[in-house]
Amino acid sequence: MAGLEKFRIEVKYVRRARRATLRVKPRHLIKLSLPYGVKRAQIEEWIHSKTNWILEKHEMLESQTKNPAVQFIEGAQVPFGGGPLLLVRAQKVKWVELHGSDLLVPEKYFKSEESVRRAVFKWYQEQALAAALNRVEYYCQQLGVKAKSVRLKNYRSRWGACSSKGELIFNWQIILLKNEMFEYVVAHEVCHLIEMNHSERFYSLLAKLGFNKSEMHRQFKHLKNLI
């Protein structure tokens, strides 16, 4: 297929699948999950129709580079909301708390760096779920739709997903993004409750919510791994 010669394609047939799903993975890998009965010619035609999106997604993945490893020690900086927070050892707090640009972590967790990391990650996930629930409700009201559920997952190469049942799933690390990008990820998946594709109608829904496709793709293209 023109433009996709370097890509490997893995096909998996799923007995209960109602629709085809396509995922672009690092190192030129395309993964397809398909209902039984889909013919090879149909697969090739569908992949060909997604060429631009596949190349765009691949370029985004390839452009991501790792930041220096984040340390979870007293006085270190950790990401949150597009900026850094200072890790502070605190004696009078029972759980992780945000105070301005300081992230207070109870004294008891400083027995090891791994203990601090686990506590901060749990706090991240609490903040991510609360914020996602709030913004999903807002964007659903804007479009007159309703999500069946909202939950988090530890995705490695995607920020969110929308199932055919109306379940919204977000990478918990969206809480580390700056606010505009966080909002875009949530709005993006809410729009999939109406359009389960990346058609012009899908992007017109995003535009209705105030997001410019080209500008947001530019920001995500140059985004580095956060943690």
C-alpha atoms as a PDB file:
ATOM      1  CA  MET A   1       0.000   0.000   0.000  1.00  0.00           C
ATOM      2  CA  ALA A   2       1.440   3.313  -1.107  1.00  0.00           C
ATOM      3  CA  GLY A   3       2.932   5.241   1.779  1.00  0.00           C
ATOM      4  CA  LEU A   4       2.713   2.324   4.195  1.00  0.00           C
ATOM      5  CA  GLU A   5       5.387   0.027   2.743  1.00  0.00           C
ATOM      6  CA  LYS A   6       7.469   0.056   5.934  1.00  0.00           C
ATOM      7  CA  PHE A   7       4.599  -0.938   8.206  1.00  0.00           C
ATOM      8  CA  ARG A   8       3.916  -4.406   9.569  1.00  0.00           C
ATOM      9  CA  ILE A   9       0.275  -5.368   9.972  1.00  0.00           C
ATOM     10  CA  GLU A  10      -0.982  -7.693  12.694  1.00  0.00           C
ATOM     11  CA  VAL A  11      -4.568  -8.916  12.323  1.00  0.00           C
ATOM     12  CA  LYS A  12      -6.582 -10.398  15.169  1.00  0.00           C
ATOM     13  CA  TYR A  13     -10.126 -11.709  14.717  1.00  0.00           C
ATOM     14  CA  VAL A  14     -12.324 -11.224  17.767  1.00  0.00           C
ATOM     15  CA  ARG A  15     -15.435 -13.351  18.058  1.00  0.00           C
ATOM     16  CA  ARG A  16     -17.582 -10.733  19.807  1.00  0.00           C
ATOM     17  CA  ALA A  17     -16.228  -7.684  17.992  1.00  0.00           C
ATOM     18  CA  ARG A  18     -18.909  -5.505  16.400  1.00  0.00           C
ATOM     19  CA  ARG A  19     -16.564  -3.270  14.477  1.00  0.00           C
ATOM     20  CA  ALA A  20     -12.991  -3.050  13.285  1.00  0.00           C
ATOM     21  CA  THR A  21     -10.411  -1.170  15.352  1.00  0.00           C
ATOM     22  CA  LEU A  22      -7.000   0.022  14.205  1.00  0.00           C
ATOM     23  CA  ARG A  23      -4.070   0.996  16.394  1.00  0.00           C
ATOM     24  CA  VAL A  24      -0.712   2.425  15.364  1.00  0.00           C
ATOM     25  CA  LYS A  25       2.166   1.216  17.496  1.00  0.00           C
ATOM     26  CA  PRO A  26       5.853   2.203  17.632  1.00  0.00           C
ATOM     27  CA  ARG A  27       8.337   0.713  15.161  1.00  0.00           C
ATOM     28  CA  HIS A  28       5.980   0.759  12.153  1.00  0.00           C
ATOM     29  CA  LEU A  29       3.389  -1.618  13.556  1.00  0.00           C
ATOM     30  CA  ILE A  30      -0.327  -1.526  12.740  1.00  0.00           C
ATOM     31  CA  LYS A  31      -2.625  -3.691  14.873  1.00  0.00           C
ATOM     32  CA  LEU A  32      -6.105  -4.575  13.645  1.00  0.00           C
ATOM     33  CA  SER A  33      -8.907  -6.180  15.639  1.00  0.00           C
ATOM     34  CA  LEU A  34     -11.699  -7.411  13.366  1.00  0.00           C
ATOM     35  CA  PRO A  35     -15.002  -9.242  13.501  1.00  0.00           C
ATOM     36  CA  TYR A  36     -14.983 -12.656  11.839  1.00  0.00           C
ATOM     37  CA  GLY A  37     -15.828 -12.627   8.155  1.00  0.00           C
ATOM     38  CA  VAL A  38     -13.903  -9.524   7.080  1.00  0.00           C
ATOM     39  CA  LYS A  39     -12.082 -10.315   3.838  1.00  0.00           C
ATOM     40  CA  ARG A  40      -8.481  -9.398   2.949  1.00  0.00           C
ATOM     41  CA  ALA A  41      -9.586  -6.998   0.217  1.00  0.00           C
ATOM     42  CA  GLN A  42     -11.802  -5.142   2.695  1.00  0.00           C
ATOM     43  CA  ILE A  43      -8.924  -4.901   5.158  1.00  0.00           C
ATOM     44  CA  GLU A  44      -6.582  -3.452   2.552  1.00  0.00           C
ATOM     45  CA  GLU A  45      -9.181  -0.955   1.368  1.00  0.00           C
ATOM     46  CA  TRP A  46      -9.879   0.188   4.917  1.00  0.00           C
ATOM     47  CA  ILE A  47      -6.192   0.585   5.790  1.00  0.00           C
ATOM     48  CA  HIS A  48      -5.637   2.512   2.559  1.00  0.00           C
ATOM     49  CA  SER A  49      -8.441   4.924   3.490  1.00  0.00           C
ATOM     50  CA  LYS A  50      -6.668   5.544   6.816  1.00  0.00           C
ATOM     51  CA  THR A  51      -3.221   6.216   5.301  1.00  0.00           C
ATOM     52  CA  ASN A  52      -2.980   9.888   6.262  1.00  0.00           C
ATOM     53  CA  TRP A  53      -4.169   9.233   9.797  1.00  0.00           C
ATOM     54  CA  ILE A  54      -1.756   6.296  10.201  1.00  0.00           C
ATOM     55  CA  LEU A  55       1.214   8.350   9.017  1.00  0.00           C
ATOM     56  CA  GLU A  56       0.216  11.258  11.244  1.00  0.00           C
ATOM     57  CA  LYS A  57      -0.111   8.994  14.284  1.00  0.00           C
ATOM     58  CA  HIS A  58       3.198   7.292  13.505  1.00  0.00           C
ATOM     59  CA  GLU A  59       4.984  10.633  13.207  1.00  0.00           C
ATOM     60  CA  MET A  60       3.511  11.674  16.559  1.00  0.00           C
ATOM     61  CA  LEU A  61       4.775   8.489  18.236  1.00  0.00           C
ATOM     62  CA  GLU A  62       8.214   8.745  16.680  1.00  0.00           C
ATOM     63  CA  SER A  63       8.609  12.392  17.713  1.00  0.00           C
ATOM     64  CA  GLN A  64       8.093  11.580  21.381  1.00  0.00           C
ATOM     65  CA  THR A  65      11.362  11.409  23.281  1.00  0.00           C
ATOM     66  CA  LYS A  66      11.909  10.574  26.894  1.00  0.00           C
ATOM     67  CA  ASN A  67      12.575  13.265  29.443  1.00  0.00           C
ATOM     68  CA  PRO A  68      15.251  12.672  32.061  1.00  0.00           C
ATOM     69  CA  ALA A  69      13.912  10.249  34.629  1.00  0.00           C
ATOM     70  CA  VAL A  70      11.791  11.930  37.289  1.00  0.00           C
ATOM     71  CA  GLN A  71      13.132  11.446  40.799  1.00  0.00           C
ATOM     72  CA  PHE A  72      10.762  11.024  43.718  1.00  0.00           C
ATOM     73  CA  ILE A  73      12.942  12.461  46.433  1.00  0.00           C
ATOM     74  CA  GLU A  74      12.636  15.480  48.678  1.00  0.00           C
ATOM     75  CA  GLY A  75      13.218  18.698  46.732  1.00  0.00           C
ATOM     76  CA  ALA A  76      12.773  17.093  43.302  1.00  0.00           C
ATOM     77  CA  GLN A  77      10.398  18.450  40.675  1.00  0.00           C
ATOM     78  CA  VAL A  78       7.562  16.346  39.310  1.00  0.00           C
ATOM     79  CA  PRO A  79       5.175  17.186  36.436  1.00  0.00           C
ATOM     80  CA  PHE A  80       1.574  18.235  36.903  1.00  0.00           C
ATOM     81  CA  GLY A  81      -0.803  20.310  34.766  1.00  0.00           C
ATOM     82  CA  GLY A  82       1.883  21.269  32.283  1.00  0.00           C
ATOM     83  CA  GLY A  83       4.305  22.566  34.874  1.00  0.00           C
ATOM     84  CA  PRO A  84       6.551  21.367  37.696  1.00  0.00           C
ATOM     85  CA  LEU A  85       5.690  20.807  41.336  1.00  0.00           C
ATOM     86  CA  LEU A  86       8.233  20.685  44.148  1.00  0.00           C
ATOM     87  CA  LEU A  87       8.163  17.534  46.272  1.00  0.00           C
ATOM     88  CA  VAL A  88       8.059  18.507  49.931  1.00  0.00           C
ATOM     89  CA  ARG A  89       8.401  16.201  52.929  1.00  0.00           C
ATOM     90  CA  ALA A  90       5.525  17.080  55.269  1.00  0.00           C
ATOM     91  CA  GLN A  91       4.937  15.994  58.860  1.00  0.00           C
ATOM     92  CA  LYS A  92       1.409  17.292  59.451  1.00  0.00           C
ATOM     93  CA  VAL A  93      -0.488  15.922  56.456  1.00  0.00           C
ATOM     94  CA  LYS A  94      -2.165  12.506  56.266  1.00  0.00           C
ATOM     95  CA  TRP A  95      -2.204  12.256  52.483  1.00  0.00           C
ATOM     96  CA  VAL A  96      -0.596  13.914  49.466  1.00  0.00           C
ATOM     97  CA  GLU A  97      -1.744  17.537  49.185  1.00  0.00           C
ATOM     98  CA  LEU A  98      -1.195  20.310  46.678  1.00  0.00           C
ATOM     99  CA  HIS A  99      -0.299  23.702  48.132  1.00  0.00           C
ATOM    100  CA  GLY A 100       0.458  26.220  45.400  1.00  0.00           C
ATOM    101  CA  SER A 101       3.440  24.796  43.518  1.00  0.00           C
ATOM    102  CA  ASP A 102       4.401  22.474  46.391  1.00  0.00           C
ATOM    103  CA  LEU A 103       3.284  18.858  46.526  1.00  0.00           C
ATOM    104  CA  LEU A 104       3.226  17.850  50.181  1.00  0.00           C
ATOM    105  CA  VAL A 105       3.927  14.169  50.787  1.00  0.00           C
ATOM    106  CA  PRO A 106       3.540  12.683  54.285  1.00  0.00           C
ATOM    107  CA  GLU A 107       6.781  11.946  56.108  1.00  0.00           C
ATOM    108  CA  LYS A 108       5.994   8.210  56.348  1.00  0.00           C
ATOM    109  CA  TYR A 109       6.375   7.708  52.579  1.00  0.00           C
ATOM    110  CA  PHE A 110       9.960   8.928  52.510  1.00  0.00           C
ATOM    111  CA  LYS A 111      11.289   5.598  53.712  1.00  0.00           C
ATOM    112  CA  SER A 112      12.166   4.953  50.051  1.00  0.00           C
ATOM    113  CA  GLU A 113      11.940   6.667  46.682  1.00  0.00           C
ATOM    114  CA  GLU A 114       9.628   3.908  45.434  1.00  0.00           C
ATOM    115  CA  SER A 115       7.255   4.525  48.343  1.00  0.00           C
ATOM    116  CA  VAL A 116       7.068   8.225  47.454  1.00  0.00           C
ATOM    117  CA  ARG A 117       6.545   7.375  43.790  1.00  0.00           C
ATOM    118  CA  ARG A 118       3.627   5.051  44.559  1.00  0.00           C
ATOM    119  CA  ALA A 119       1.950   7.643  46.764  1.00  0.00           C
ATOM    120  CA  VAL A 120       2.348  10.396  44.180  1.00  0.00           C
ATOM    121  CA  PHE A 121       1.113   8.147  41.370  1.00  0.00           C
ATOM    122  CA  LYS A 122      -1.984   7.262  43.390  1.00  0.00           C
ATOM    123  CA  TRP A 123      -2.611  10.958  43.999  1.00  0.00           C
ATOM    124  CA  TYR A 124      -2.141  11.654  40.267  1.00  0.00           C
ATOM    125  CA  GLN A 125      -4.786   9.059  39.447  1.00  0.00           C
ATOM    126  CA  GLU A 126      -7.236  10.487  41.976  1.00  0.00           C
ATOM    127  CA  GLN A 127      -6.819  13.934  40.443  1.00  0.00           C
ATOM    128  CA  ALA A 128      -7.068  12.580  36.892  1.00  0.00           C
ATOM    129  CA  LEU A 129     -10.320  10.720  37.520  1.00  0.00           C
ATOM    130  CA  ALA A 130     -11.978  13.621  39.342  1.00  0.00           C
ATOM    131  CA  ALA A 131     -10.981  16.092  36.614  1.00  0.00           C
ATOM    132  CA  ALA A 132     -11.974  13.733  33.784  1.00  0.00           C
ATOM    133  CA  LEU A 133     -15.401  13.089  35.297  1.00  0.00           C
ATOM    134  CA  ASN A 134     -15.993  16.817  35.640  1.00  0.00           C
ATOM    135  CA  ARG A 135     -15.002  17.677  32.076  1.00  0.00           C
ATOM    136  CA  VAL A 136     -16.738  14.670  30.507  1.00  0.00           C
ATOM    137  CA  GLU A 137     -19.963  15.846  32.103  1.00  0.00           C
ATOM    138  CA  TYR A 138     -19.388  19.362  30.753  1.00  0.00           C
ATOM    139  CA  TYR A 139     -18.663  18.307  27.156  1.00  0.00           C
ATOM    140  CA  CYS A 140     -21.465  15.744  27.156  1.00  0.00           C
ATOM    141  CA  GLN A 141     -23.871  18.528  28.086  1.00  0.00           C
ATOM    142  CA  GLN A 142     -22.517  20.642  25.247  1.00  0.00           C
ATOM    143  CA  LEU A 143     -23.196  17.900  22.695  1.00  0.00           C
ATOM    144  CA  GLY A 144     -26.315  16.405  24.246  1.00  0.00           C
ATOM    145  CA  VAL A 145     -24.818  12.953  24.836  1.00  0.00           C
ATOM    146  CA  LYS A 146     -24.035  10.764  27.824  1.00  0.00           C
ATOM    147  CA  ALA A 147     -21.108   8.475  28.572  1.00  0.00           C
ATOM    148  CA  LYS A 148     -21.845   5.057  30.015  1.00  0.00           C
ATOM    149  CA  SER A 149     -18.768   5.199  32.252  1.00  0.00           C
ATOM    150  CA  VAL A 150     -15.442   6.964  32.767  1.00  0.00           C
ATOM    151  CA  ARG A 151     -12.329   5.195  33.972  1.00  0.00           C
ATOM    152  CA  LEU A 152      -8.544   5.326  33.831  1.00  0.00           C
ATOM    153  CA  LYS A 153      -5.942   3.028  32.350  1.00  0.00           C
ATOM    154  CA  ASN A 154      -2.168   2.956  32.153  1.00  0.00           C
ATOM    155  CA  TYR A 155      -1.905   3.319  28.368  1.00  0.00           C
ATOM    156  CA  ARG A 156       1.575   3.433  26.849  1.00  0.00           C
ATOM    157  CA  SER A 157       0.868   5.008  23.469  1.00  0.00           C
ATOM    158  CA  ARG A 158      -2.506   6.712  23.630  1.00  0.00           C
ATOM    159  CA  TRP A 159      -4.260   9.336  25.719  1.00  0.00           C
ATOM    160  CA  GLY A 160      -7.816   8.027  25.599  1.00  0.00           C
ATOM    161  CA  ALA A 161     -10.337   5.707  24.022  1.00  0.00           C
ATOM    162  CA  CYS A 162     -14.086   5.377  23.518  1.00  0.00           C
ATOM    163  CA  SER A 163     -15.693   1.953  23.301  1.00  0.00           C
ATOM    164  CA  SER A 164     -18.668   1.070  21.118  1.00  0.00           C
ATOM    165  CA  LYS A 165     -20.692   0.852  24.352  1.00  0.00           C
ATOM    166  CA  GLY A 166     -20.021   4.479  25.232  1.00  0.00           C
ATOM    167  CA  GLU A 167     -17.306   3.800  27.807  1.00  0.00           C
ATOM    168  CA  LEU A 168     -14.633   6.496  28.011  1.00  0.00           C
ATOM    169  CA  ILE A 169     -11.161   5.410  29.086  1.00  0.00           C
ATOM    170  CA  PHE A 170      -8.316   7.830  29.734  1.00  0.00           C
ATOM    171  CA  ASN A 171      -4.606   7.482  30.279  1.00  0.00           C
ATOM    172  CA  TRP A 172      -4.157   8.705  33.859  1.00  0.00           C
ATOM    173  CA  GLN A 173      -1.192  10.791  32.711  1.00  0.00           C
ATOM    174  CA  ILE A 174      -3.549  13.300  31.096  1.00  0.00           C
ATOM    175  CA  ILE A 175      -3.436  15.088  34.460  1.00  0.00           C
ATOM    176  CA  LEU A 176       0.203  15.903  33.730  1.00  0.00           C
ATOM    177  CA  LEU A 177      -0.684  17.764  30.519  1.00  0.00           C
ATOM    178  CA  LYS A 178      -1.221  21.485  30.378  1.00  0.00           C
ATOM    179  CA  ASN A 179      -4.884  22.395  30.673  1.00  0.00           C
ATOM    180  CA  GLU A 180      -5.641  23.007  26.975  1.00  0.00           C
ATOM    181  CA  MET A 181      -4.256  19.599  26.026  1.00  0.00           C
ATOM    182  CA  PHE A 182      -6.082  17.886  28.887  1.00  0.00           C
ATOM    183  CA  GLU A 183      -9.338  19.491  27.745  1.00  0.00           C
ATOM    184  CA  TYR A 184      -8.703  18.425  24.146  1.00  0.00           C
ATOM    185  CA  VAL A 185      -8.181  14.771  25.094  1.00  0.00           C
ATOM    186  CA  VAL A 186     -11.444  14.704  27.050  1.00  0.00           C
ATOM    187  CA  ALA A 187     -13.399  16.554  24.348  1.00  0.00           C
ATOM    188  CA  HIS A 188     -11.899  14.275  21.671  1.00  0.00           C
ATOM    189  CA  GLU A 189     -13.212  11.116  23.342  1.00  0.00           C
ATOM    190  CA  VAL A 190     -16.610  12.679  24.082  1.00  0.00           C
ATOM    191  CA  CYS A 191     -16.958  13.470  20.372  1.00  0.00           C
ATOM    192  CA  HIS A 192     -16.399   9.772  19.675  1.00  0.00           C
ATOM    193  CA  LEU A 193     -19.672   9.081  21.471  1.00  0.00           C
ATOM    194  CA  ILE A 194     -21.273  10.548  18.343  1.00  0.00           C
ATOM    195  CA  GLU A 195     -18.696   9.801  15.623  1.00  0.00           C
ATOM    196  CA  MET A 196     -16.599   6.640  16.101  1.00  0.00           C
ATOM    197  CA  ASN A 197     -14.078   7.783  13.492  1.00  0.00           C
ATOM    198  CA  HIS A 198     -11.905  10.738  12.514  1.00  0.00           C
ATOM    199  CA  SER A 199     -14.084  12.069   9.721  1.00  0.00           C
ATOM    200  CA  GLU A 200     -14.681  15.713   8.894  1.00  0.00           C
ATOM    201  CA  ARG A 201     -17.919  15.496  10.879  1.00  0.00           C
ATOM    202  CA  PHE A 202     -15.927  14.330  13.890  1.00  0.00           C
ATOM    203  CA  TYR A 203     -13.569  17.307  13.659  1.00  0.00           C
ATOM    204  CA  SER A 204     -16.505  19.657  13.136  1.00  0.00           C
ATOM    205  CA  LEU A 205     -17.791  18.484  16.529  1.00  0.00           C
ATOM    206  CA  LEU A 206     -14.426  19.296  18.072  1.00  0.00           C
ATOM    207  CA  ALA A 207     -14.502  22.703  16.408  1.00  0.00           C
ATOM    208  CA  LYS A 208     -17.941  23.252  17.912  1.00  0.00           C
ATOM    209  CA  LEU A 209     -16.339  22.672  21.311  1.00  0.00           C
ATOM    210  CA  GLY A 210     -13.661  25.235  20.515  1.00  0.00           C
ATOM    211  CA  PHE A 211     -10.712  23.104  19.393  1.00  0.00           C
ATOM    212  CA  ASN A 212      -8.634  23.633  16.252  1.00  0.00           C
ATOM    213  CA  LYS A 213      -7.500  20.323  14.738  1.00  0.00           C
ATOM    214  CA  SER A 214      -4.240  21.607  13.233  1.00  0.00           C
ATOM    215  CA  GLU A 215      -3.163  23.507  16.334  1.00  0.00           C
ATOM    216  CA  MET A 216      -3.834  20.615  18.700  1.00  0.00           C
ATOM    217  CA  HIS A 217      -2.082  18.122  16.454  1.00  0.00           C
ATOM    218  CA  ARG A 218       0.927  20.455  16.391  1.00  0.00           C
ATOM    219  CA  GLN A 219       1.051  20.522  20.182  1.00  0.00           C
ATOM    220  CA  PHE A 220       0.758  16.762  20.563  1.00  0.00           C
ATOM    221  CA  LYS A 221       3.268  16.129  17.784  1.00  0.00           C
ATOM    222  CA  HIS A 222       6.045  17.710  19.805  1.00  0.00           C
ATOM    223  CA  LEU A 223       4.938  16.389  23.157  1.00  0.00           C
ATOM    224  CA  LYS A 224       7.526  14.473  25.106  1.00  0.00           C
ATOM    225  CA  ASN A 225       6.809  11.554  27.401  1.00  0.00           C
ATOM    226  CA  LEU A 226       5.913  13.041  30.747  1.00  0.00           C
ATOM    227  CA  ILE A 227       6.991  10.547  33.357  1.00  0.00           C
END
